[in-house]
Amino acid sequence: MARQYWRMLVVCLFILMTVTVVTAQEPTAIPEFTLVFDAQPGPDVPMLDEFALNAADDAEIVANVVAYYQANAERLALLWREDNPTRLAGIFAMYISHISRPYGSTPLTVTLTDYISNDNAHCGTYIIPQQQIAIALGLTTRTIEFVGEHAWLEVYVDDHWELFDATTNTWINRAGLELLEGVVRQYRYFYTPMLDINRPDARLHLIEGYDMPRLRERMPLMGITYFPPGELAVSRVYGPLADQLNEPP
């Protein structure tokens, strides 16, 4: 029995050493993703780069974007099946910000010009063009952030806040704070180049562990299965209704 015991111990040690050596030589494992690619393109909306070609600063870029929206609002309303003008403008500001840059690490970004000069964007930087465009279109906005986790823009539509998440190109008819309470919600996912089978260049975010379907599921499920960690930060309100909606200091 003793001899058999020692023989089994030697065999186990040999297997363990072999596995260790093989594992050390293996390349870093690539995370698995639940990606479902789509061949359906979104509406024909230019990226922000096109509006920046002959623009000297952020103000001129935004003016070019606003002029484009005003000329195409009826077409976009039909394509997006949206007849509320405030919501339509909010969708446009979210949509054009999302399609203009894939998700990924990016340097400090504080202006729309910075945003366009960077190759990638993340939740905190998608908000930069989105908010500038939304305010220029006459919308009232605020940002919601769970520090270190996620951030998004909300637009005041009629008499309530609605969530427009430019990171995932997702609209929800409720405010994020309401979602956390588990209220009934409606939502829509808009086209994303990061799942477009014809846009492999937009899938570079995979190496950073960004899983679009997983994050898209999280947004409308907030307060049901997804509770963002981190400190909650609600910005002041900006836009035409700022004086009415901001709490007095």
C-alpha atoms as a PDB file:
ATOM      1  CA  MET A   1       0.000   0.000   0.000  1.00  0.00           C
ATOM      2  CA  ALA A   2       2.804   2.392   0.861  1.00  0.00           C
ATOM      3  CA  ARG A   3       4.517   1.717  -2.478  1.00  0.00           C
ATOM      4  CA  GLN A   4       1.255   2.368  -4.355  1.00  0.00           C
ATOM      5  CA  TYR A   5       0.718   5.568  -2.384  1.00  0.00           C
ATOM      6  CA  TRP A   6       4.140   6.969  -3.268  1.00  0.00           C
ATOM      7  CA  ARG A   7       3.710   5.912  -6.907  1.00  0.00           C
ATOM      8  CA  MET A   8       0.385   7.820  -7.116  1.00  0.00           C
ATOM      9  CA  LEU A   9       1.963  10.851  -5.431  1.00  0.00           C
ATOM     10  CA  VAL A  10       4.808  10.940  -7.973  1.00  0.00           C
ATOM     11  CA  VAL A  11       2.333  10.671 -10.870  1.00  0.00           C
ATOM     12  CA  CYS A  12       0.224  13.541  -9.477  1.00  0.00           C
ATOM     13  CA  LEU A  13       3.269  15.748  -9.024  1.00  0.00           C
ATOM     14  CA  PHE A  14       4.366  15.024 -12.575  1.00  0.00           C
ATOM     15  CA  ILE A  15       0.927  15.952 -13.945  1.00  0.00           C
ATOM     16  CA  LEU A  16       0.843  19.132 -11.861  1.00  0.00           C
ATOM     17  CA  MET A  17       4.284  20.207 -13.123  1.00  0.00           C
ATOM     18  CA  THR A  18       3.293  19.461 -16.704  1.00  0.00           C
ATOM     19  CA  VAL A  19       0.081  21.509 -16.440  1.00  0.00           C
ATOM     20  CA  THR A  20       1.952  24.376 -14.813  1.00  0.00           C
ATOM     21  CA  VAL A  21       4.545  24.487 -17.594  1.00  0.00           C
ATOM     22  CA  VAL A  22       1.897  24.338 -20.314  1.00  0.00           C
ATOM     23  CA  THR A  23      -0.165  27.049 -18.651  1.00  0.00           C
ATOM     24  CA  ALA A  24       2.846  29.323 -18.370  1.00  0.00           C
ATOM     25  CA  GLN A  25       3.470  28.996 -22.097  1.00  0.00           C
ATOM     26  CA  GLU A  26      -0.159  29.635 -23.092  1.00  0.00           C
ATOM     27  CA  PRO A  27      -1.025  33.153 -24.293  1.00  0.00           C
ATOM     28  CA  THR A  28      -3.394  35.262 -22.217  1.00  0.00           C
ATOM     29  CA  ALA A  29      -6.907  33.950 -22.646  1.00  0.00           C
ATOM     30  CA  ILE A  30      -9.298  36.178 -24.595  1.00  0.00           C
ATOM     31  CA  PRO A  31     -12.536  36.809 -22.690  1.00  0.00           C
ATOM     32  CA  GLU A  32     -15.706  35.291 -24.107  1.00  0.00           C
ATOM     33  CA  PHE A  33     -18.363  37.672 -25.358  1.00  0.00           C
ATOM     34  CA  THR A  34     -22.072  37.285 -26.019  1.00  0.00           C
ATOM     35  CA  LEU A  35     -21.893  39.257 -29.250  1.00  0.00           C
ATOM     36  CA  VAL A  36     -24.601  38.973 -31.855  1.00  0.00           C
ATOM     37  CA  PHE A  37     -23.579  40.792 -34.996  1.00  0.00           C
ATOM     38  CA  ASP A  38     -26.087  42.621 -37.136  1.00  0.00           C
ATOM     39  CA  ALA A  39     -26.048  43.331 -40.871  1.00  0.00           C
ATOM     40  CA  GLN A  40     -28.715  46.040 -40.723  1.00  0.00           C
ATOM     41  CA  PRO A  41     -27.185  49.547 -40.999  1.00  0.00           C
ATOM     42  CA  GLY A  42     -28.633  52.460 -39.113  1.00  0.00           C
ATOM     43  CA  PRO A  43     -30.046  55.645 -40.650  1.00  0.00           C
ATOM     44  CA  ASP A  44     -27.669  57.580 -42.858  1.00  0.00           C
ATOM     45  CA  VAL A  45     -26.260  60.024 -40.307  1.00  0.00           C
ATOM     46  CA  PRO A  46     -22.695  61.365 -40.731  1.00  0.00           C
ATOM     47  CA  MET A  47     -20.137  61.065 -37.949  1.00  0.00           C
ATOM     48  CA  LEU A  48     -19.095  64.215 -36.120  1.00  0.00           C
ATOM     49  CA  ASP A  49     -15.816  64.262 -38.036  1.00  0.00           C
ATOM     50  CA  GLU A  50     -17.655  65.444 -41.136  1.00  0.00           C
ATOM     51  CA  PHE A  51     -19.081  68.457 -39.330  1.00  0.00           C
ATOM     52  CA  ALA A  52     -15.638  69.374 -37.963  1.00  0.00           C
ATOM     53  CA  LEU A  53     -13.845  69.522 -41.332  1.00  0.00           C
ATOM     54  CA  ASN A  54     -14.111  73.290 -41.828  1.00  0.00           C
ATOM     55  CA  ALA A  55     -14.961  74.266 -38.270  1.00  0.00           C
ATOM     56  CA  ALA A  56     -12.627  76.389 -36.158  1.00  0.00           C
ATOM     57  CA  ASP A  57     -13.955  75.392 -32.726  1.00  0.00           C
ATOM     58  CA  ASP A  58     -16.651  73.543 -30.811  1.00  0.00           C
ATOM     59  CA  ALA A  59     -19.236  76.247 -31.476  1.00  0.00           C
ATOM     60  CA  GLU A  60     -18.877  75.915 -35.236  1.00  0.00           C
ATOM     61  CA  ILE A  61     -18.987  72.121 -35.083  1.00  0.00           C
ATOM     62  CA  VAL A  62     -22.194  72.233 -33.059  1.00  0.00           C
ATOM     63  CA  ALA A  63     -23.695  74.838 -35.418  1.00  0.00           C
ATOM     64  CA  ASN A  64     -23.012  72.526 -38.373  1.00  0.00           C
ATOM     65  CA  VAL A  65     -24.612  69.595 -36.534  1.00  0.00           C
ATOM     66  CA  VAL A  66     -27.697  71.645 -35.642  1.00  0.00           C
ATOM     67  CA  ALA A  67     -28.078  72.798 -39.265  1.00  0.00           C
ATOM     68  CA  TYR A  68     -27.920  69.180 -40.413  1.00  0.00           C
ATOM     69  CA  TYR A  69     -30.534  68.116 -37.866  1.00  0.00           C
ATOM     70  CA  GLN A  70     -32.918  70.899 -38.806  1.00  0.00           C
ATOM     71  CA  ALA A  71     -32.662  69.899 -42.472  1.00  0.00           C
ATOM     72  CA  ASN A  72     -33.162  66.186 -41.732  1.00  0.00           C
ATOM     73  CA  ALA A  73     -35.506  66.103 -38.731  1.00  0.00           C
ATOM     74  CA  GLU A  74     -38.541  64.947 -40.726  1.00  0.00           C
ATOM     75  CA  ARG A  75     -36.584  62.105 -42.335  1.00  0.00           C
ATOM     76  CA  LEU A  76     -35.154  61.001 -38.980  1.00  0.00           C
ATOM     77  CA  ALA A  77     -38.591  61.134 -37.361  1.00  0.00           C
ATOM     78  CA  LEU A  78     -39.843  58.656 -39.954  1.00  0.00           C
ATOM     79  CA  LEU A  79     -36.785  56.405 -39.719  1.00  0.00           C
ATOM     80  CA  TRP A  80     -36.827  56.360 -35.918  1.00  0.00           C
ATOM     81  CA  ARG A  81     -40.644  56.300 -35.709  1.00  0.00           C
ATOM     82  CA  GLU A  82     -40.670  59.169 -33.230  1.00  0.00           C
ATOM     83  CA  ASP A  83     -43.187  62.025 -33.275  1.00  0.00           C
ATOM     84  CA  ASN A  84     -42.209  63.784 -30.041  1.00  0.00           C
ATOM     85  CA  PRO A  85     -39.865  66.630 -31.160  1.00  0.00           C
ATOM     86  CA  THR A  86     -38.023  66.823 -27.827  1.00  0.00           C
ATOM     87  CA  ARG A  87     -37.401  63.080 -27.703  1.00  0.00           C
ATOM     88  CA  LEU A  88     -36.401  63.030 -31.382  1.00  0.00           C
ATOM     89  CA  ALA A  89     -33.739  65.699 -30.778  1.00  0.00           C
ATOM     90  CA  GLY A  90     -32.513  63.753 -27.730  1.00  0.00           C
ATOM     91  CA  ILE A  91     -32.212  60.571 -29.772  1.00  0.00           C
ATOM     92  CA  PHE A  92     -30.260  62.433 -32.444  1.00  0.00           C
ATOM     93  CA  ALA A  93     -27.778  63.920 -29.932  1.00  0.00           C
ATOM     94  CA  MET A  94     -27.267  60.466 -28.403  1.00  0.00           C
ATOM     95  CA  TYR A  95     -27.071  58.661 -31.740  1.00  0.00           C
ATOM     96  CA  ILE A  96     -24.535  60.896 -33.497  1.00  0.00           C
ATOM     97  CA  SER A  97     -22.261  60.871 -30.434  1.00  0.00           C
ATOM     98  CA  HIS A  98     -22.402  57.067 -30.233  1.00  0.00           C
ATOM     99  CA  ILE A  99     -21.683  56.278 -33.891  1.00  0.00           C
ATOM    100  CA  SER A 100     -18.757  58.707 -34.085  1.00  0.00           C
ATOM    101  CA  ARG A 101     -16.369  56.775 -31.834  1.00  0.00           C
ATOM    102  CA  PRO A 102     -16.010  53.136 -30.717  1.00  0.00           C
ATOM    103  CA  TYR A 103     -15.642  52.375 -27.032  1.00  0.00           C
ATOM    104  CA  GLY A 104     -12.124  52.219 -25.599  1.00  0.00           C
ATOM    105  CA  SER A 105      -9.480  53.888 -23.473  1.00  0.00           C
ATOM    106  CA  THR A 106      -9.096  57.569 -24.249  1.00  0.00           C
ATOM    107  CA  PRO A 107      -7.094  60.530 -22.927  1.00  0.00           C
ATOM    108  CA  LEU A 108      -8.658  63.302 -20.881  1.00  0.00           C
ATOM    109  CA  THR A 109     -11.410  64.844 -22.987  1.00  0.00           C
ATOM    110  CA  VAL A 110     -13.027  68.176 -22.120  1.00  0.00           C
ATOM    111  CA  THR A 111     -14.096  69.618 -25.485  1.00  0.00           C
ATOM    112  CA  LEU A 112     -15.883  68.404 -28.584  1.00  0.00           C
ATOM    113  CA  THR A 113     -12.666  69.034 -30.544  1.00  0.00           C
ATOM    114  CA  ASP A 114     -10.815  66.735 -28.118  1.00  0.00           C
ATOM    115  CA  TYR A 115     -13.513  64.110 -28.577  1.00  0.00           C
ATOM    116  CA  ILE A 116     -13.106  64.098 -32.345  1.00  0.00           C
ATOM    117  CA  SER A 117      -9.303  64.023 -32.157  1.00  0.00           C
ATOM    118  CA  ASN A 118      -9.344  60.860 -29.999  1.00  0.00           C
ATOM    119  CA  ASP A 119      -9.730  57.384 -31.498  1.00  0.00           C
ATOM    120  CA  ASN A 120     -12.070  56.072 -28.786  1.00  0.00           C
ATOM    121  CA  ALA A 121     -14.595  57.225 -26.217  1.00  0.00           C
ATOM    122  CA  HIS A 122     -16.109  55.980 -22.976  1.00  0.00           C
ATOM    123  CA  CYS A 123     -19.220  56.858 -20.994  1.00  0.00           C
ATOM    124  CA  GLY A 124     -17.746  60.043 -19.533  1.00  0.00           C
ATOM    125  CA  THR A 125     -16.651  61.362 -22.923  1.00  0.00           C
ATOM    126  CA  TYR A 126     -19.679  60.336 -24.995  1.00  0.00           C
ATOM    127  CA  ILE A 127     -21.573  62.857 -22.871  1.00  0.00           C
ATOM    128  CA  ILE A 128     -19.404  65.773 -24.077  1.00  0.00           C
ATOM    129  CA  PRO A 129     -20.726  66.052 -27.656  1.00  0.00           C
ATOM    130  CA  GLN A 130     -24.114  64.696 -26.634  1.00  0.00           C
ATOM    131  CA  GLN A 131     -24.772  67.449 -24.100  1.00  0.00           C
ATOM    132  CA  GLN A 132     -23.430  70.271 -26.278  1.00  0.00           C
ATOM    133  CA  ILE A 133     -25.622  69.189 -29.180  1.00  0.00           C
ATOM    134  CA  ALA A 134     -28.670  68.602 -26.975  1.00  0.00           C
ATOM    135  CA  ILE A 135     -28.465  72.077 -25.415  1.00  0.00           C
ATOM    136  CA  ALA A 136     -27.912  73.669 -28.844  1.00  0.00           C
ATOM    137  CA  LEU A 137     -31.107  71.928 -29.990  1.00  0.00           C
ATOM    138  CA  GLY A 138     -32.981  73.602 -27.132  1.00  0.00           C
ATOM    139  CA  LEU A 139     -33.101  70.626 -24.764  1.00  0.00           C
ATOM    140  CA  THR A 140     -32.838  70.668 -20.980  1.00  0.00           C
ATOM    141  CA  THR A 141     -30.286  68.139 -19.684  1.00  0.00           C
ATOM    142  CA  ARG A 142     -28.501  66.727 -16.679  1.00  0.00           C
ATOM    143  CA  THR A 143     -25.909  63.992 -16.192  1.00  0.00           C
ATOM    144  CA  ILE A 144     -26.135  61.038 -13.829  1.00  0.00           C
ATOM    145  CA  GLU A 145     -22.974  59.240 -12.755  1.00  0.00           C
ATOM    146  CA  PHE A 146     -22.172  56.292 -10.551  1.00  0.00           C
ATOM    147  CA  VAL A 147     -18.556  57.249  -9.935  1.00  0.00           C
ATOM    148  CA  GLY A 148     -16.161  54.698 -11.394  1.00  0.00           C
ATOM    149  CA  GLU A 149     -18.995  52.675 -12.970  1.00  0.00           C
ATOM    150  CA  HIS A 150     -21.159  54.463 -15.544  1.00  0.00           C
ATOM    151  CA  ALA A 151     -22.511  57.841 -16.595  1.00  0.00           C
ATOM    152  CA  TRP A 152     -25.223  59.004 -18.946  1.00  0.00           C
ATOM    153  CA  LEU A 153     -27.247  62.024 -20.042  1.00  0.00           C
ATOM    154  CA  GLU A 154     -30.907  62.627 -19.263  1.00  0.00           C
ATOM    155  CA  VAL A 155     -33.233  64.973 -21.154  1.00  0.00           C
ATOM    156  CA  TYR A 156     -36.345  66.634 -19.775  1.00  0.00           C
ATOM    157  CA  VAL A 157     -39.148  65.522 -22.091  1.00  0.00           C
ATOM    158  CA  ASP A 158     -42.514  67.222 -21.525  1.00  0.00           C
ATOM    159  CA  ASP A 159     -42.714  67.021 -17.721  1.00  0.00           C
ATOM    160  CA  HIS A 160     -40.254  64.252 -16.796  1.00  0.00           C
ATOM    161  CA  TRP A 161     -36.682  63.028 -17.254  1.00  0.00           C
ATOM    162  CA  GLU A 162     -35.786  60.359 -19.794  1.00  0.00           C
ATOM    163  CA  LEU A 163     -32.505  58.455 -20.112  1.00  0.00           C
ATOM    164  CA  PHE A 164     -30.393  58.730 -23.288  1.00  0.00           C
ATOM    165  CA  ASP A 165     -27.284  56.557 -22.894  1.00  0.00           C
ATOM    166  CA  ALA A 166     -24.843  57.411 -25.700  1.00  0.00           C
ATOM    167  CA  THR A 167     -22.424  54.672 -24.588  1.00  0.00           C
ATOM    168  CA  THR A 168     -24.840  51.928 -25.651  1.00  0.00           C
ATOM    169  CA  ASN A 169     -27.192  54.006 -27.849  1.00  0.00           C
ATOM    170  CA  THR A 170     -30.132  53.119 -25.616  1.00  0.00           C
ATOM    171  CA  TRP A 171     -33.190  55.253 -24.820  1.00  0.00           C
ATOM    172  CA  ILE A 172     -35.396  54.627 -21.772  1.00  0.00           C
ATOM    173  CA  ASN A 173     -38.567  56.564 -21.000  1.00  0.00           C
ATOM    174  CA  ARG A 174     -37.683  56.925 -17.317  1.00  0.00           C
ATOM    175  CA  ALA A 175     -34.967  58.634 -15.307  1.00  0.00           C
ATOM    176  CA  GLY A 176     -32.197  56.445 -13.964  1.00  0.00           C
ATOM    177  CA  LEU A 177     -33.210  57.294 -10.400  1.00  0.00           C
ATOM    178  CA  GLU A 178     -36.713  55.979 -11.118  1.00  0.00           C
ATOM    179  CA  LEU A 179     -35.329  52.804 -12.683  1.00  0.00           C
ATOM    180  CA  LEU A 180     -33.500  52.050  -9.457  1.00  0.00           C
ATOM    181  CA  GLU A 181     -36.905  51.928  -7.767  1.00  0.00           C
ATOM    182  CA  GLY A 182     -38.046  49.188 -10.159  1.00  0.00           C
ATOM    183  CA  VAL A 183     -40.680  51.217 -12.027  1.00  0.00           C
ATOM    184  CA  VAL A 184     -42.222  50.053 -15.307  1.00  0.00           C
ATOM    185  CA  ARG A 185     -40.167  51.254 -18.252  1.00  0.00           C
ATOM    186  CA  GLN A 186     -40.050  51.317 -22.045  1.00  0.00           C
ATOM    187  CA  TYR A 187     -36.784  51.261 -23.964  1.00  0.00           C
ATOM    188  CA  ARG A 188     -35.291  51.164 -27.438  1.00  0.00           C
ATOM    189  CA  TYR A 189     -31.899  50.012 -28.683  1.00  0.00           C
ATOM    190  CA  PHE A 190     -30.595  52.008 -31.634  1.00  0.00           C
ATOM    191  CA  TYR A 191     -28.026  50.943 -34.212  1.00  0.00           C
ATOM    192  CA  THR A 192     -24.467  50.468 -32.978  1.00  0.00           C
ATOM    193  CA  PRO A 193     -21.482  50.044 -35.303  1.00  0.00           C
ATOM    194  CA  MET A 194     -19.866  47.944 -32.579  1.00  0.00           C
ATOM    195  CA  LEU A 195     -22.172  45.066 -33.492  1.00  0.00           C
ATOM    196  CA  ASP A 196     -22.258  45.752 -37.230  1.00  0.00           C
ATOM    197  CA  ILE A 197     -20.908  42.726 -39.089  1.00  0.00           C
ATOM    198  CA  ASN A 198     -19.651  45.113 -41.786  1.00  0.00           C
ATOM    199  CA  ARG A 199     -17.693  47.281 -39.338  1.00  0.00           C
ATOM    200  CA  PRO A 200     -14.851  45.162 -37.903  1.00  0.00           C
ATOM    201  CA  ASP A 201     -12.921  48.385 -37.193  1.00  0.00           C
ATOM    202  CA  ALA A 202     -15.558  49.278 -34.613  1.00  0.00           C
ATOM    203  CA  ARG A 203     -15.007  46.052 -32.695  1.00  0.00           C
ATOM    204  CA  LEU A 204     -11.554  46.952 -31.395  1.00  0.00           C
ATOM    205  CA  HIS A 205     -13.217  47.513 -28.018  1.00  0.00           C
ATOM    206  CA  LEU A 206     -13.262  43.744 -27.512  1.00  0.00           C
ATOM    207  CA  ILE A 207      -9.649  43.696 -26.345  1.00  0.00           C
ATOM    208  CA  GLU A 208     -10.686  45.956 -23.445  1.00  0.00           C
ATOM    209  CA  GLY A 209     -13.407  43.579 -22.299  1.00  0.00           C
ATOM    210  CA  TYR A 210     -16.331  45.674 -23.484  1.00  0.00           C
ATOM    211  CA  ASP A 211     -19.359  43.479 -24.159  1.00  0.00           C
ATOM    212  CA  MET A 212     -22.059  45.550 -25.875  1.00  0.00           C
ATOM    213  CA  PRO A 213     -25.002  43.150 -25.406  1.00  0.00           C
ATOM    214  CA  ARG A 214     -24.232  42.771 -21.698  1.00  0.00           C
ATOM    215  CA  LEU A 215     -24.086  46.535 -21.148  1.00  0.00           C
ATOM    216  CA  ARG A 216     -27.171  47.096 -23.281  1.00  0.00           C
ATOM    217  CA  GLU A 217     -29.100  44.633 -21.134  1.00  0.00           C
ATOM    218  CA  ARG A 218     -27.976  46.388 -17.981  1.00  0.00           C
ATOM    219  CA  MET A 219     -29.476  49.775 -18.825  1.00  0.00           C
ATOM    220  CA  PRO A 220     -33.193  48.860 -19.114  1.00  0.00           C
ATOM    221  CA  LEU A 221     -32.743  46.321 -16.308  1.00  0.00           C
ATOM    222  CA  MET A 222     -31.412  48.913 -13.887  1.00  0.00           C
ATOM    223  CA  GLY A 223     -33.091  48.472 -10.538  1.00  0.00           C
ATOM    224  CA  ILE A 224     -34.180  44.946 -11.443  1.00  0.00           C
ATOM    225  CA  THR A 225     -30.962  42.978 -11.963  1.00  0.00           C
ATOM    226  CA  TYR A 226     -28.403  45.788 -12.335  1.00  0.00           C
ATOM    227  CA  PHE A 227     -27.522  48.127  -9.489  1.00  0.00           C
ATOM    228  CA  PRO A 228     -24.526  50.283 -10.447  1.00  0.00           C
ATOM    229  CA  PRO A 229     -21.998  50.465  -7.624  1.00  0.00           C
ATOM    230  CA  GLY A 230     -20.223  53.641  -6.686  1.00  0.00           C
ATOM    231  CA  GLU A 231     -21.157  57.051  -5.360  1.00  0.00           C
ATOM    232  CA  LEU A 232     -24.184  58.602  -7.080  1.00  0.00           C
ATOM    233  CA  ALA A 233     -23.599  62.061  -8.580  1.00  0.00           C
ATOM    234  CA  VAL A 234     -26.382  64.109 -10.166  1.00  0.00           C
ATOM    235  CA  SER A 235     -25.294  67.236 -12.013  1.00  0.00           C
ATOM    236  CA  ARG A 236     -27.030  70.576 -12.117  1.00  0.00           C
ATOM    237  CA  VAL A 237     -29.560  71.074 -14.865  1.00  0.00           C
ATOM    238  CA  TYR A 238     -28.508  72.861 -18.060  1.00  0.00           C
ATOM    239  CA  GLY A 239     -30.650  74.320 -20.820  1.00  0.00           C
ATOM    240  CA  PRO A 240     -33.818  76.398 -21.105  1.00  0.00           C
ATOM    241  CA  LEU A 241     -35.497  75.022 -17.974  1.00  0.00           C
ATOM    242  CA  ALA A 242     -32.393  75.146 -15.770  1.00  0.00           C
ATOM    243  CA  ASP A 243     -33.643  78.005 -13.555  1.00  0.00           C
ATOM    244  CA  GLN A 244     -36.951  76.206 -12.998  1.00  0.00           C
ATOM    245  CA  LEU A 245     -35.529  72.733 -12.271  1.00  0.00           C
ATOM    246  CA  ASN A 246     -32.331  73.477 -10.345  1.00  0.00           C
ATOM    247  CA  GLU A 247     -32.717  73.485  -6.607  1.00  0.00           C
ATOM    248  CA  PRO A 248     -31.805  76.816  -5.014  1.00  0.00           C
ATOM    249  CA  PRO A 249     -28.250  76.906  -3.554  1.00  0.00           C
END
